Amino acid sequence: MMGLAFIMTVLFLFILLGPYRRMKAAVSAEGWPVAAERLTRIRGMMLVNLLLGLVTAVLGVAGPRL
């Protein structure tokens, strides 16, 4: 579970320091198509993060039985 939490944290930091900053810059410059593309990428990565969180929760509930 700690490994999954570490992966989730690294993925979040990657999103925050990479695509999110570029999307924020595109919105400031009113480059809406570029911002939309970045947002689509962010949504995909956040979906992966959500699924990892759900797997972590299931493992936490299951306990040592798995």
C-alpha atoms as a PDB file:
ATOM      1  CA  MET A   1       0.000   0.000   0.000  1.00  0.00           C
ATOM      2  CA  MET A   2       2.859   2.371   0.734  1.00  0.00           C
ATOM      3  CA  GLY A   3       4.239   1.711  -2.728  1.00  0.00           C
ATOM      4  CA  LEU A   4       0.926   2.629  -4.324  1.00  0.00           C
ATOM      5  CA  ALA A   5       0.724   5.766  -2.195  1.00  0.00           C
ATOM      6  CA  PHE A   6       4.225   6.740  -3.315  1.00  0.00           C
ATOM      7  CA  ILE A   7       3.296   6.192  -6.987  1.00  0.00           C
ATOM      8  CA  MET A   8       0.144   8.284  -6.529  1.00  0.00           C
ATOM      9  CA  THR A   9       2.143  11.095  -4.931  1.00  0.00           C
ATOM     10  CA  VAL A  10       4.759  11.084  -7.685  1.00  0.00           C
ATOM     11  CA  LEU A  11       2.039  11.096 -10.343  1.00  0.00           C
ATOM     12  CA  PHE A  12       0.297  14.042  -8.680  1.00  0.00           C
ATOM     13  CA  LEU A  13       3.546  16.015  -8.454  1.00  0.00           C
ATOM     14  CA  PHE A  14       4.271  15.221 -12.100  1.00  0.00           C
ATOM     15  CA  ILE A  15       0.838  16.560 -13.081  1.00  0.00           C
ATOM     16  CA  LEU A  16       1.252  19.658 -10.919  1.00  0.00           C
ATOM     17  CA  LEU A  17       4.740  20.528 -12.129  1.00  0.00           C
ATOM     18  CA  GLY A  18       4.242  19.578 -15.783  1.00  0.00           C
ATOM     19  CA  PRO A  19       0.923  19.618 -17.624  1.00  0.00           C
ATOM     20  CA  TYR A  20      -0.874  21.796 -15.087  1.00  0.00           C
ATOM     21  CA  ARG A  21       1.663  24.606 -15.332  1.00  0.00           C
ATOM     22  CA  ARG A  22       1.565  24.465 -19.129  1.00  0.00           C
ATOM     23  CA  MET A  23      -2.242  24.510 -19.066  1.00  0.00           C
ATOM     24  CA  LYS A  24      -2.215  27.476 -16.689  1.00  0.00           C
ATOM     25  CA  ALA A  25       0.152  29.353 -19.012  1.00  0.00           C
ATOM     26  CA  ALA A  26      -2.045  28.546 -22.021  1.00  0.00           C
ATOM     27  CA  VAL A  27      -5.141  29.840 -20.211  1.00  0.00           C
ATOM     28  CA  SER A  28      -3.314  33.047 -19.268  1.00  0.00           C
ATOM     29  CA  ALA A  29      -2.361  33.532 -22.913  1.00  0.00           C
ATOM     30  CA  GLU A  30      -5.924  32.626 -23.966  1.00  0.00           C
ATOM     31  CA  GLY A  31      -4.674  29.671 -25.997  1.00  0.00           C
ATOM     32  CA  TRP A  32      -7.845  27.683 -25.503  1.00  0.00           C
ATOM     33  CA  PRO A  33      -7.086  24.751 -27.859  1.00  0.00           C
ATOM     34  CA  VAL A  34      -3.722  24.140 -26.169  1.00  0.00           C
ATOM     35  CA  ALA A  35      -5.320  24.453 -22.724  1.00  0.00           C
ATOM     36  CA  ALA A  36      -8.021  21.967 -23.716  1.00  0.00           C
ATOM     37  CA  GLU A  37      -5.389  19.480 -24.879  1.00  0.00           C
ATOM     38  CA  ARG A  38      -3.490  19.825 -21.600  1.00  0.00           C
ATOM     39  CA  LEU A  39      -6.677  19.411 -19.600  1.00  0.00           C
ATOM     40  CA  THR A  40      -7.468  16.204 -21.490  1.00  0.00           C
ATOM     41  CA  ARG A  41      -4.047  14.820 -20.570  1.00  0.00           C
ATOM     42  CA  ILE A  42      -4.506  15.852 -16.949  1.00  0.00           C
ATOM     43  CA  ARG A  43      -7.897  14.131 -16.802  1.00  0.00           C
ATOM     44  CA  GLY A  44      -6.379  10.888 -18.078  1.00  0.00           C
ATOM     45  CA  MET A  45      -3.597  10.962 -15.513  1.00  0.00           C
ATOM     46  CA  MET A  46      -6.036  11.805 -12.728  1.00  0.00           C
ATOM     47  CA  LEU A  47      -8.161   8.821 -13.777  1.00  0.00           C
ATOM     48  CA  VAL A  48      -5.105   6.602 -13.317  1.00  0.00           C
ATOM     49  CA  ASN A  49      -4.521   8.208  -9.911  1.00  0.00           C
ATOM     50  CA  LEU A  50      -8.151   7.599  -8.945  1.00  0.00           C
ATOM     51  CA  LEU A  51      -7.928   3.948  -9.925  1.00  0.00           C
ATOM     52  CA  LEU A  52      -4.730   3.546  -7.907  1.00  0.00           C
ATOM     53  CA  GLY A  53      -6.527   5.103  -4.934  1.00  0.00           C
ATOM     54  CA  LEU A  54      -9.414   2.672  -5.293  1.00  0.00           C
ATOM     55  CA  VAL A  55      -7.017  -0.279  -5.460  1.00  0.00           C
ATOM     56  CA  THR A  56      -5.292   1.031  -2.325  1.00  0.00           C
ATOM     57  CA  ALA A  57      -8.634   1.328  -0.525  1.00  0.00           C
ATOM     58  CA  VAL A  58      -9.627  -2.227  -1.502  1.00  0.00           C
ATOM     59  CA  LEU A  59      -6.275  -3.538  -0.282  1.00  0.00           C
ATOM     60  CA  GLY A  60      -6.741  -1.639   2.979  1.00  0.00           C
ATOM     61  CA  VAL A  61     -10.192  -3.096   3.537  1.00  0.00           C
ATOM     62  CA  ALA A  62      -9.117  -6.608   2.557  1.00  0.00           C
ATOM     63  CA  GLY A  63      -6.215  -6.486   4.980  1.00  0.00           C
ATOM     64  CA  PRO A  64      -3.862  -9.423   5.263  1.00  0.00           C
ATOM     65  CA  ARG A  65      -6.379 -11.797   3.648  1.00  0.00           C
ATOM     66  CA  LEU A  66      -4.937 -10.951   0.240  1.00  0.00           C
END
